[in-house]
């Protein structure tokens, strides 16, 4: 069960925070604030195992992306990423989203 926890510090500009254009399948795009890293081997944004076979990770409050599913997209800094697998949620309500850069 999740407890009341503010994730704002992790998505702040002074940490790893960026705006992402989240597009769930069949739904309109919306902007969400996420913590983002492309170097997943050196920094985990949550979860039990750092996913080294993905291009990047994003993390945010699960309430912002509760409808996210494998194959949905996040556009971050001009690059489109596909959600590589269902986001993992911890006990604080933080969701870790493994991403693969979309090949066009």
N, C-alpha and C. Protein backbone atom coordinates (compact mmCIF):
# COMPACT_ATOMS: atom_id res chain seq x y z
N UNK A 1 0.84 -1.17 0.00
CA UNK A 1 0.00 0.00 0.00
C UNK A 1 0.89 1.24 0.00
N UNK A 2 0.59 2.18 -0.87
CA UNK A 2 1.38 3.41 -0.97
C UNK A 2 1.04 4.34 0.19
N UNK A 3 2.05 5.11 0.61
CA UNK A 3 1.79 6.11 1.64
C UNK A 3 2.00 7.49 1.04
N UNK A 4 1.51 8.51 1.73
CA UNK A 4 1.58 9.88 1.24
C UNK A 4 3.04 10.32 1.19
N UNK A 5 3.53 10.63 0.00
CA UNK A 5 4.94 10.97 -0.19
C UNK A 5 5.04 11.95 -1.35
N UNK A 6 5.82 12.99 -1.19
CA UNK A 6 6.00 13.96 -2.27
C UNK A 6 7.23 13.59 -3.10
N UNK A 7 7.02 13.44 -4.40
CA UNK A 7 8.11 13.09 -5.31
C UNK A 7 8.69 14.31 -6.01
N UNK A 8 8.21 15.49 -5.64
CA UNK A 8 8.61 16.71 -6.34
C UNK A 8 10.11 16.94 -6.38
N UNK A 9 10.83 16.59 -5.32
CA UNK A 9 12.27 16.83 -5.30
C UNK A 9 12.98 16.05 -6.41
N UNK A 10 12.48 14.87 -6.76
CA UNK A 10 13.12 14.04 -7.78
C UNK A 10 12.85 14.54 -9.19
N UNK A 11 11.78 15.30 -9.37
CA UNK A 11 11.45 15.80 -10.70
C UNK A 11 11.77 17.28 -10.84
N UNK A 12 12.48 17.83 -9.88
CA UNK A 12 12.88 19.23 -9.89
C UNK A 12 14.03 19.44 -10.89
N UNK A 13 14.15 20.67 -11.40
CA UNK A 13 15.23 21.01 -12.32
C UNK A 13 16.61 20.76 -11.72
N UNK A 14 16.74 20.93 -10.40
CA UNK A 14 18.04 20.75 -9.75
C UNK A 14 18.44 19.28 -9.63
N UNK A 15 17.54 18.38 -9.90
CA UNK A 15 17.87 16.96 -9.86
C UNK A 15 17.88 16.45 -11.30
N UNK A 16 16.93 15.65 -11.69
CA UNK A 16 16.89 15.07 -13.04
C UNK A 16 15.58 15.39 -13.75
N UNK A 17 14.86 16.40 -13.29
CA UNK A 17 13.53 16.68 -13.80
C UNK A 17 13.49 17.28 -15.19
N UNK A 18 12.59 16.75 -16.01
CA UNK A 18 12.32 17.27 -17.35
C UNK A 18 10.83 17.09 -17.64
N UNK A 19 10.34 17.88 -18.58
CA UNK A 19 8.97 17.68 -19.06
C UNK A 19 9.00 16.60 -20.14
N UNK A 20 8.00 15.72 -20.11
CA UNK A 20 7.88 14.66 -21.10
C UNK A 20 6.47 14.70 -21.68
N UNK A 21 6.38 14.49 -22.99
CA UNK A 21 5.08 14.38 -23.65
C UNK A 21 4.69 12.91 -23.64
N UNK A 22 3.73 12.57 -22.79
CA UNK A 22 3.29 11.20 -22.62
C UNK A 22 2.07 10.96 -23.49
N UNK A 23 2.14 9.91 -24.34
CA UNK A 23 1.02 9.58 -25.22
C UNK A 23 0.62 8.12 -25.01
N UNK A 24 -0.43 7.89 -24.20
CA UNK A 24 -0.94 6.53 -24.07
C UNK A 24 -1.65 6.12 -25.36
N UNK A 25 -1.64 4.84 -25.69
CA UNK A 25 -2.23 4.35 -26.92
C UNK A 25 -3.69 4.77 -27.02
N UNK A 26 -4.03 5.42 -28.13
CA UNK A 26 -5.40 5.82 -28.41
C UNK A 26 -5.90 7.01 -27.62
N UNK A 27 -5.01 7.67 -26.89
CA UNK A 27 -5.39 8.81 -26.05
C UNK A 27 -4.60 10.04 -26.49
N UNK A 28 -5.06 11.23 -26.12
CA UNK A 28 -4.31 12.43 -26.46
C UNK A 28 -3.03 12.55 -25.62
N UNK A 29 -2.06 13.26 -26.17
CA UNK A 29 -0.81 13.53 -25.49
C UNK A 29 -1.05 14.44 -24.30
N UNK A 30 -0.28 14.23 -23.23
CA UNK A 30 -0.29 15.15 -22.09
C UNK A 30 1.14 15.29 -21.57
N UNK A 31 1.43 16.43 -20.98
CA UNK A 31 2.76 16.67 -20.45
C UNK A 31 2.82 16.24 -19.00
N UNK A 32 3.85 15.46 -18.67
CA UNK A 32 4.09 15.04 -17.29
C UNK A 32 5.54 15.39 -16.93
N UNK A 33 5.78 15.61 -15.66
CA UNK A 33 7.13 15.91 -15.18
C UNK A 33 7.75 14.62 -14.68
N UNK A 34 8.95 14.29 -15.20
CA UNK A 34 9.62 13.04 -14.84
C UNK A 34 11.07 13.31 -14.47
N UNK A 35 11.65 12.39 -13.72
CA UNK A 35 13.10 12.33 -13.56
C UNK A 35 13.57 11.43 -14.70
N UNK A 36 14.65 11.82 -15.38
CA UNK A 36 15.05 11.11 -16.60
C UNK A 36 16.55 10.91 -16.62
N UNK A 37 16.96 9.72 -17.05
CA UNK A 37 18.38 9.45 -17.27
C UNK A 37 18.54 8.49 -18.44
N UNK A 38 19.56 8.76 -19.24
CA UNK A 38 19.88 7.86 -20.35
C UNK A 38 20.94 6.86 -19.94
N UNK A 39 21.70 7.13 -18.90
CA UNK A 39 22.78 6.25 -18.48
C UNK A 39 22.27 5.34 -17.36
N UNK A 40 21.47 4.34 -17.72
CA UNK A 40 20.80 3.52 -16.71
C UNK A 40 21.76 2.64 -15.92
N UNK A 41 22.97 2.42 -16.41
CA UNK A 41 23.90 1.59 -15.66
C UNK A 41 24.45 2.30 -14.44
N UNK A 42 24.50 3.63 -14.47
CA UNK A 42 25.11 4.34 -13.35
C UNK A 42 24.11 4.96 -12.39
N UNK A 43 22.82 5.00 -12.75
CA UNK A 43 21.84 5.63 -11.86
C UNK A 43 20.50 4.93 -11.98
N UNK A 44 20.08 4.31 -10.90
CA UNK A 44 18.77 3.68 -10.87
C UNK A 44 17.74 4.68 -10.36
N UNK A 45 16.58 4.71 -10.98
CA UNK A 45 15.49 5.57 -10.52
C UNK A 45 14.45 4.77 -9.75
N UNK A 46 14.83 3.63 -9.24
CA UNK A 46 13.93 2.81 -8.45
C UNK A 46 13.89 1.38 -8.95
N UNK A 47 13.12 0.56 -8.29
CA UNK A 47 13.02 -0.83 -8.69
C UNK A 47 14.13 -1.67 -8.08
N UNK A 48 14.02 -2.97 -8.24
CA UNK A 48 14.98 -3.89 -7.64
C UNK A 48 16.26 -4.04 -8.46
N UNK A 49 16.14 -4.04 -9.77
CA UNK A 49 17.28 -4.27 -10.65
C UNK A 49 17.33 -3.16 -11.68
N UNK A 50 18.49 -2.57 -11.87
CA UNK A 50 18.64 -1.54 -12.90
C UNK A 50 18.57 -2.21 -14.27
N UNK A 51 17.63 -1.79 -15.12
CA UNK A 51 17.46 -2.43 -16.44
C UNK A 51 18.53 -1.97 -17.42
N UNK A 52 19.58 -2.73 -17.57
CA UNK A 52 20.70 -2.31 -18.41
C UNK A 52 20.46 -2.56 -19.89
N UNK A 53 19.40 -3.26 -20.26
CA UNK A 53 19.14 -3.51 -21.67
C UNK A 53 18.17 -2.51 -22.28
N UNK A 54 17.92 -1.40 -21.59
CA UNK A 54 17.07 -0.34 -22.12
C UNK A 54 17.92 0.89 -22.38
N UNK A 55 17.42 1.77 -23.22
CA UNK A 55 18.17 2.98 -23.57
C UNK A 55 18.12 4.03 -22.47
N UNK A 56 17.04 4.07 -21.71
CA UNK A 56 16.85 5.14 -20.73
C UNK A 56 15.80 4.71 -19.71
N UNK A 57 15.66 5.55 -18.67
CA UNK A 57 14.61 5.36 -17.67
C UNK A 57 13.98 6.71 -17.36
N UNK A 58 12.72 6.66 -17.00
CA UNK A 58 12.04 7.83 -16.46
C UNK A 58 11.37 7.38 -15.18
N UNK A 59 11.14 8.32 -14.29
CA UNK A 59 10.46 8.02 -13.05
C UNK A 59 9.57 9.18 -12.67
N UNK A 60 8.43 8.87 -12.07
CA UNK A 60 7.51 9.91 -11.62
C UNK A 60 6.48 9.29 -10.69
N UNK A 61 5.61 10.13 -10.15
CA UNK A 61 4.51 9.62 -9.34
C UNK A 61 3.62 8.75 -10.24
N UNK A 62 3.28 7.58 -9.77
CA UNK A 62 2.45 6.65 -10.55
C UNK A 62 1.12 7.27 -10.94
N UNK A 63 0.60 8.14 -10.09
CA UNK A 63 -0.70 8.77 -10.37
C UNK A 63 -0.68 9.56 -11.68
N UNK A 64 0.51 10.01 -12.11
CA UNK A 64 0.61 10.77 -13.36
C UNK A 64 0.57 9.89 -14.61
N UNK A 65 0.95 8.61 -14.45
CA UNK A 65 1.03 7.73 -15.62
C UNK A 65 0.34 6.39 -15.34
N UNK A 66 -0.69 6.40 -14.52
CA UNK A 66 -1.34 5.15 -14.12
C UNK A 66 -1.91 4.36 -15.30
N UNK A 67 -2.14 5.03 -16.42
CA UNK A 67 -2.66 4.35 -17.61
C UNK A 67 -1.55 3.93 -18.57
N UNK A 68 -0.28 4.05 -18.17
CA UNK A 68 0.84 3.70 -19.04
C UNK A 68 0.93 2.20 -19.26
N UNK A 69 1.30 1.84 -20.48
CA UNK A 69 1.45 0.43 -20.84
C UNK A 69 2.61 0.28 -21.82
N UNK A 70 3.11 -0.92 -21.93
CA UNK A 70 4.16 -1.23 -22.88
C UNK A 70 3.72 -0.75 -24.27
N UNK A 71 4.60 -0.02 -24.95
CA UNK A 71 4.31 0.47 -26.29
C UNK A 71 3.86 1.92 -26.34
N UNK A 72 3.42 2.48 -25.19
CA UNK A 72 3.09 3.91 -25.15
C UNK A 72 4.38 4.71 -25.32
N UNK A 73 4.28 6.00 -25.60
CA UNK A 73 5.48 6.79 -25.85
C UNK A 73 5.64 7.97 -24.88
N UNK A 74 6.90 8.33 -24.69
CA UNK A 74 7.30 9.53 -23.97
C UNK A 74 8.28 10.27 -24.88
N UNK A 75 7.99 11.52 -25.17
CA UNK A 75 8.92 12.34 -25.94
C UNK A 75 9.65 13.24 -24.96
N UNK A 76 10.97 13.07 -24.91
CA UNK A 76 11.81 13.80 -23.95
C UNK A 76 12.96 14.44 -24.71
N UNK A 77 13.09 15.76 -24.57
CA UNK A 77 14.16 16.51 -25.23
C UNK A 77 14.25 16.21 -26.72
N UNK A 78 13.09 16.09 -27.37
CA UNK A 78 13.03 15.89 -28.81
C UNK A 78 13.17 14.46 -29.28
N UNK A 79 13.43 13.53 -28.38
CA UNK A 79 13.57 12.12 -28.74
C UNK A 79 12.35 11.36 -28.25
N UNK A 80 11.82 10.48 -29.10
CA UNK A 80 10.66 9.67 -28.74
C UNK A 80 11.15 8.33 -28.20
N UNK A 81 10.67 7.98 -27.02
CA UNK A 81 10.98 6.71 -26.37
C UNK A 81 9.70 5.90 -26.25
N UNK A 82 9.82 4.59 -26.41
CA UNK A 82 8.70 3.66 -26.24
C UNK A 82 8.85 3.02 -24.86
N UNK A 83 7.75 2.91 -24.14
CA UNK A 83 7.79 2.22 -22.86
C UNK A 83 8.05 0.75 -23.14
N UNK A 84 9.19 0.27 -22.64
CA UNK A 84 9.65 -1.08 -22.97
C UNK A 84 8.96 -2.18 -22.18
N UNK A 85 8.49 -1.86 -20.99
CA UNK A 85 7.69 -2.81 -20.21
C UNK A 85 6.87 -2.04 -19.20
N UNK A 86 5.89 -2.68 -18.61
CA UNK A 86 5.00 -2.03 -17.66
C UNK A 86 5.80 -1.36 -16.55
N UNK A 87 5.50 -0.10 -16.25
CA UNK A 87 6.21 0.59 -15.17
C UNK A 87 6.10 -0.17 -13.84
N UNK A 88 7.19 -0.15 -13.07
CA UNK A 88 7.21 -0.76 -11.75
C UNK A 88 6.93 0.31 -10.71
N UNK A 89 6.08 0.00 -9.75
CA UNK A 89 5.68 0.97 -8.74
C UNK A 89 6.16 0.49 -7.36
N UNK A 90 6.78 1.40 -6.60
CA UNK A 90 7.22 1.03 -5.26
C UNK A 90 6.19 1.47 -4.21
N UNK A 91 6.51 1.24 -2.95
CA UNK A 91 5.57 1.51 -1.87
C UNK A 91 5.29 3.00 -1.65
N UNK A 92 6.11 3.88 -2.24
CA UNK A 92 5.87 5.32 -2.11
C UNK A 92 4.97 5.86 -3.21
N UNK A 93 4.65 5.01 -4.20
CA UNK A 93 3.86 5.47 -5.34
C UNK A 93 4.72 5.97 -6.49
N UNK A 94 6.04 5.75 -6.40
CA UNK A 94 6.97 6.13 -7.46
C UNK A 94 6.97 5.06 -8.54
N UNK A 95 6.85 5.46 -9.79
CA UNK A 95 6.87 4.52 -10.92
C UNK A 95 8.18 4.67 -11.67
N UNK A 96 8.84 3.55 -11.95
CA UNK A 96 10.04 3.53 -12.76
C UNK A 96 9.66 2.98 -14.13
N UNK A 97 10.01 3.73 -15.19
CA UNK A 97 9.56 3.41 -16.54
C UNK A 97 10.78 3.11 -17.41
N UNK A 98 11.01 1.84 -17.80
CA UNK A 98 12.10 1.52 -18.71
C UNK A 98 11.74 1.95 -20.13
N UNK A 99 12.68 2.61 -20.81
CA UNK A 99 12.40 3.19 -22.13
C UNK A 99 13.39 2.70 -23.18
N UNK A 100 12.90 2.54 -24.39
CA UNK A 100 13.73 2.22 -25.54
C UNK A 100 13.52 3.30 -26.58
N UNK A 101 14.61 3.82 -27.14
CA UNK A 101 14.49 4.87 -28.15
C UNK A 101 13.78 4.31 -29.37
N UNK A 102 12.77 5.04 -29.85
CA UNK A 102 12.00 4.58 -31.01
C UNK A 102 12.81 4.76 -32.27
N UNK A 103 12.85 3.71 -33.06
CA UNK A 103 13.54 3.74 -34.34
C UNK A 103 12.50 4.01 -35.42
N UNK A 104 12.74 5.04 -36.20
CA UNK A 104 11.77 5.42 -37.23
C UNK A 104 12.14 4.87 -38.57
